[in-house]
Amino acid sequence: MADTSAPEDAYTAQPFVPARGGLTALRRAAAGCHGCPLHRDATRTVFGAGKAHARVMLVGEQPGDQEDRQGKPFVGPAGGLLDRALADAGLDPADAYVTNAVKHFKFTRSEPRKRRIHKAPTLRETTACGPWLAAELDRVEPELIVVLGATAGKALLGSSFRVTRVRGTVLEEEVHGRPQRLVPTVHPSAVLRADDREGAYRGLVADLKVAAQALG
């Protein structure tokens, strides 16, 4: 049984991660994670979702406003765009497992009761959440990881990761002690923010086609 007595200033989720059990056990345990202070302001833990033994795992940064409210990853505008891009690339979103490097929504407000504005997690917060991502990889055992954006890339591959250098390529790296194949690309939210949204979308689809080809 996981030890939930660890102080949150230790900045690690490890004591909360159960050693045994599948994704259901992980999801249940993650709901009570206090491994870093982000849980204080978030509505709930947003754990990964999808096929238990999916061939492809998609890893993003952190939940957004809608994800935090609904408790599911990639259900907001970026998630809708990602589903469309996956389908256009020949990948069925229903066959994937989707998750985030950080499981709690980090945000700021310009004024009280105003809209919650996404705030990027720190490396310390991303590292604290790493044991959950490692556990998901252990249970799902995907053939390929699609890395969505810089934060996810740094969580999986280290702080020197730069998505612009390696996007749309197949990498073979050790991740949490296991050899993995990865295809990095931009986060779909970056497409939504792009000045040339159509061009950015085409680039995302092109990268996802590389992932589809790698799966064969």
Protein backbone atom coordinates (compact mmCIF):
# COMPACT_ATOMS: atom_id res chain seq x y z
CA MET A 1 0.00 0.00 0.00
CA ALA A 2 1.26 3.47 -0.86
CA ASP A 3 2.58 5.64 1.97
CA THR A 4 0.57 8.86 1.94
CA SER A 5 2.33 10.44 4.91
CA ALA A 6 5.12 12.11 2.95
CA PRO A 7 5.25 15.90 3.27
CA GLU A 8 4.41 17.76 0.08
CA ASP A 9 7.50 19.93 0.40
CA ALA A 10 9.44 16.79 -0.53
CA TYR A 11 8.13 17.42 -4.06
CA THR A 12 7.65 13.85 -5.18
CA ALA A 13 4.61 11.73 -5.92
CA GLN A 14 6.52 8.50 -5.31
CA PRO A 15 5.03 7.71 -1.87
CA PHE A 16 1.53 7.89 -3.37
CA VAL A 17 2.15 5.51 -6.28
CA PRO A 18 0.97 1.94 -5.58
CA ALA A 19 3.48 -0.78 -6.36
CA ARG A 20 0.79 -3.13 -7.66
CA GLY A 21 -2.43 -2.90 -9.62
CA GLY A 22 -3.38 -1.66 -13.06
CA LEU A 23 -4.42 1.73 -14.37
CA THR A 24 -7.60 1.73 -12.26
CA ALA A 25 -5.53 1.36 -9.08
CA LEU A 26 -3.18 4.12 -10.24
CA ARG A 27 -6.05 6.46 -11.06
CA ARG A 28 -7.67 5.87 -7.68
CA ALA A 29 -4.40 6.52 -5.83
CA ALA A 30 -3.58 9.61 -7.90
CA ALA A 31 -6.84 11.22 -6.80
CA GLY A 32 -5.30 11.65 -3.36
CA CYS A 33 -1.83 12.74 -4.45
CA HIS A 34 -0.29 15.58 -2.42
CA GLY A 35 3.20 15.11 -3.85
CA CYS A 36 3.54 18.83 -4.61
CA PRO A 37 1.52 21.95 -3.76
CA LEU A 38 -0.31 22.09 -7.12
CA HIS A 39 -3.11 19.94 -5.71
CA ARG A 40 -4.19 22.78 -3.40
CA ASP A 41 -5.71 25.01 -6.08
CA ALA A 42 -6.68 22.43 -8.69
CA THR A 43 -10.20 21.01 -8.64
CA ARG A 44 -9.00 17.41 -8.96
CA THR A 45 -6.26 15.15 -10.25
CA VAL A 46 -6.55 14.61 -14.01
CA PHE A 47 -5.12 11.18 -14.71
CA GLY A 48 -4.51 9.58 -18.10
CA ALA A 49 -7.28 7.92 -20.11
CA GLY A 50 -7.63 5.50 -22.98
CA LYS A 51 -6.89 1.92 -23.90
CA ALA A 52 -5.13 -0.02 -21.16
CA HIS A 53 -2.65 -1.52 -23.63
CA ALA A 54 -2.62 1.13 -26.34
CA ARG A 55 0.08 0.91 -29.00
CA VAL A 56 0.64 4.67 -28.78
CA MET A 57 0.76 6.94 -25.72
CA LEU A 58 0.38 10.68 -26.17
CA VAL A 59 1.96 12.81 -23.45
CA GLY A 60 1.11 16.49 -23.04
CA GLU A 61 2.04 19.14 -20.50
CA GLN A 62 -0.73 19.48 -17.92
CA PRO A 63 -4.54 19.67 -17.71
CA GLY A 64 -6.24 22.86 -18.83
CA ASP A 65 -9.31 24.59 -17.44
CA GLN A 66 -11.86 22.20 -19.00
CA GLU A 67 -9.80 19.14 -18.11
CA ASP A 68 -9.60 20.30 -14.50
CA ARG A 69 -13.37 20.76 -14.36
CA GLN A 70 -14.24 17.46 -16.04
CA GLY A 71 -11.43 15.30 -14.66
CA LYS A 72 -10.38 13.98 -18.09
CA PRO A 73 -7.32 14.82 -20.23
CA PHE A 74 -7.60 16.58 -23.59
CA VAL A 75 -11.32 17.39 -23.49
CA GLY A 76 -10.89 21.12 -24.17
CA PRO A 77 -10.22 22.92 -27.49
CA ALA A 78 -6.66 21.53 -27.76
CA GLY A 79 -8.00 18.02 -27.27
CA GLY A 80 -10.56 18.45 -30.02
CA LEU A 81 -7.86 19.68 -32.39
CA LEU A 82 -5.61 16.75 -31.42
CA ASP A 83 -8.35 14.21 -32.18
CA ARG A 84 -8.86 15.77 -35.61
CA ALA A 85 -5.12 15.79 -36.32
CA LEU A 86 -4.75 12.15 -35.25
CA ALA A 87 -7.56 11.10 -37.57
CA ASP A 88 -6.07 13.11 -40.45
CA ALA A 89 -2.75 11.35 -39.83
CA GLY A 90 -4.33 7.90 -39.93
CA LEU A 91 -4.32 7.27 -36.17
CA ASP A 92 -7.54 6.40 -34.35
CA PRO A 93 -7.83 8.53 -31.18
CA ALA A 94 -9.84 5.70 -29.59
CA ASP A 95 -6.81 3.41 -29.87
CA ALA A 96 -4.47 5.75 -27.97
CA TYR A 97 -3.73 6.42 -24.32
CA VAL A 98 -3.51 10.13 -23.49
CA THR A 99 -1.98 11.68 -20.41
CA ASN A 100 0.03 14.65 -19.16
CA ALA A 101 3.43 15.07 -17.54
CA VAL A 102 1.73 16.97 -14.69
CA LYS A 103 -1.62 15.80 -13.33
CA HIS A 104 -2.90 19.02 -11.72
CA PHE A 105 -3.94 22.27 -13.41
CA LYS A 106 -1.56 25.14 -12.64
CA PHE A 107 -3.04 28.55 -13.27
CA THR A 108 -3.12 32.20 -12.36
CA ARG A 109 -5.92 34.78 -12.31
CA SER A 110 -5.65 38.40 -13.38
CA GLU A 111 -8.45 39.23 -10.89
CA PRO A 112 -10.49 37.27 -8.36
CA ARG A 113 -13.28 35.21 -9.96
CA LYS A 114 -11.88 35.92 -13.42
CA ARG A 115 -10.94 33.26 -15.96
CA ARG A 116 -8.16 30.90 -14.88
CA ILE A 117 -5.10 31.36 -17.09
CA HIS A 118 -2.75 28.44 -17.75
CA LYS A 119 0.68 28.76 -16.15
CA ALA A 120 3.52 26.45 -17.20
CA PRO A 121 4.69 24.00 -14.52
CA THR A 122 8.23 24.30 -13.22
CA LEU A 123 10.84 21.60 -13.71
CA ARG A 124 10.52 20.81 -10.00
CA GLU A 125 6.76 20.25 -10.35
CA THR A 126 7.21 18.17 -13.50
CA THR A 127 9.84 16.04 -11.80
CA ALA A 128 7.60 15.58 -8.75
CA CYS A 129 4.89 14.12 -10.99
CA GLY A 130 7.34 11.88 -12.86
CA PRO A 131 6.54 8.72 -10.86
CA TRP A 132 2.95 8.79 -12.14
CA LEU A 133 4.12 8.98 -15.75
CA ALA A 134 6.63 6.19 -15.13
CA ALA A 135 3.86 4.04 -13.66
CA GLU A 136 1.58 4.71 -16.64
CA LEU A 137 4.34 3.70 -19.05
CA ASP A 138 4.93 0.55 -17.01
CA ARG A 139 1.25 -0.46 -17.13
CA VAL A 140 0.42 0.51 -20.72
CA GLU A 141 3.73 -0.55 -22.32
CA PRO A 142 3.16 1.45 -25.52
CA GLU A 143 5.08 0.72 -28.70
CA LEU A 144 5.47 4.45 -29.32
CA ILE A 145 5.24 7.68 -27.33
CA VAL A 146 4.09 10.87 -29.04
CA VAL A 147 5.63 13.80 -27.15
CA LEU A 148 3.37 16.85 -27.28
CA GLY A 149 5.44 19.94 -26.65
CA ALA A 150 8.51 21.03 -24.71
CA THR A 151 7.33 20.37 -21.17
CA ALA A 152 6.42 16.76 -21.96
CA GLY A 153 9.74 16.34 -23.78
CA LYS A 154 11.74 17.61 -20.83
CA ALA A 155 9.78 15.37 -18.46
CA LEU A 156 10.60 12.31 -20.55
CA LEU A 157 14.02 13.14 -22.00
CA GLY A 158 15.62 15.75 -19.73
CA SER A 159 16.00 19.50 -19.53
CA SER A 160 18.09 19.79 -22.72
CA PHE A 161 15.14 18.66 -24.89
CA ARG A 162 14.12 21.14 -27.63
CA VAL A 163 11.04 20.21 -29.61
CA THR A 164 12.03 22.36 -32.59
CA ARG A 165 15.22 20.32 -33.09
CA VAL A 166 13.68 16.86 -33.17
CA ARG A 167 10.00 17.20 -34.05
CA GLY A 168 8.75 14.75 -36.66
CA THR A 169 11.60 12.28 -36.09
CA VAL A 170 11.66 8.86 -34.45
CA LEU A 171 13.89 8.87 -31.37
CA GLU A 172 15.12 5.81 -29.54
CA GLU A 173 15.90 6.71 -25.94
CA GLU A 174 15.83 5.21 -22.47
CA VAL A 175 12.87 6.57 -20.50
CA HIS A 176 12.45 5.65 -16.83
CA GLY A 177 14.82 2.73 -17.27
CA ARG A 178 13.28 1.27 -20.42
CA PRO A 179 14.10 1.66 -24.11
CA GLN A 180 11.35 3.63 -25.85
CA ARG A 181 10.59 4.97 -29.30
CA LEU A 182 9.30 8.53 -29.33
CA VAL A 183 8.05 11.02 -31.92
CA PRO A 184 8.08 14.63 -30.66
CA THR A 185 5.78 17.31 -32.01
CA VAL A 186 4.23 20.57 -30.84
CA HIS A 187 1.44 20.70 -28.32
CA PRO A 188 -1.95 21.24 -30.01
CA SER A 189 -2.48 24.36 -27.92
CA ALA A 190 0.51 25.89 -29.76
CA VAL A 191 -1.40 25.35 -33.02
CA LEU A 192 -4.39 27.20 -31.58
CA ARG A 193 -2.13 30.14 -30.63
CA ALA A 194 -0.23 30.23 -33.95
CA ASP A 195 -0.56 33.21 -36.30
CA ASP A 196 -0.66 30.78 -39.23
CA ARG A 197 -2.97 28.23 -37.68
CA GLU A 198 -3.50 26.27 -40.89
CA GLY A 199 0.24 25.91 -41.47
CA ALA A 200 0.83 24.93 -37.85
CA TYR A 201 -1.94 22.33 -38.10
CA ARG A 202 -0.41 20.83 -41.25
CA GLY A 203 2.91 20.57 -39.42
CA LEU A 204 1.26 18.72 -36.52
CA VAL A 205 -0.45 16.30 -38.88
CA ALA A 206 2.84 15.69 -40.75
CA ASP A 207 4.57 14.81 -37.45
CA LEU A 208 1.73 12.48 -36.46
CA LYS A 209 1.99 10.75 -39.85
CA VAL A 210 5.60 9.92 -38.91
CA ALA A 211 4.21 8.31 -35.76
CA ALA A 212 1.64 6.37 -37.78
CA GLN A 213 4.36 5.09 -40.12
CA ALA A 214 6.55 4.10 -37.17
CA LEU A 215 3.72 1.97 -35.81
CA GLY A 216 3.37 0.30 -39.22
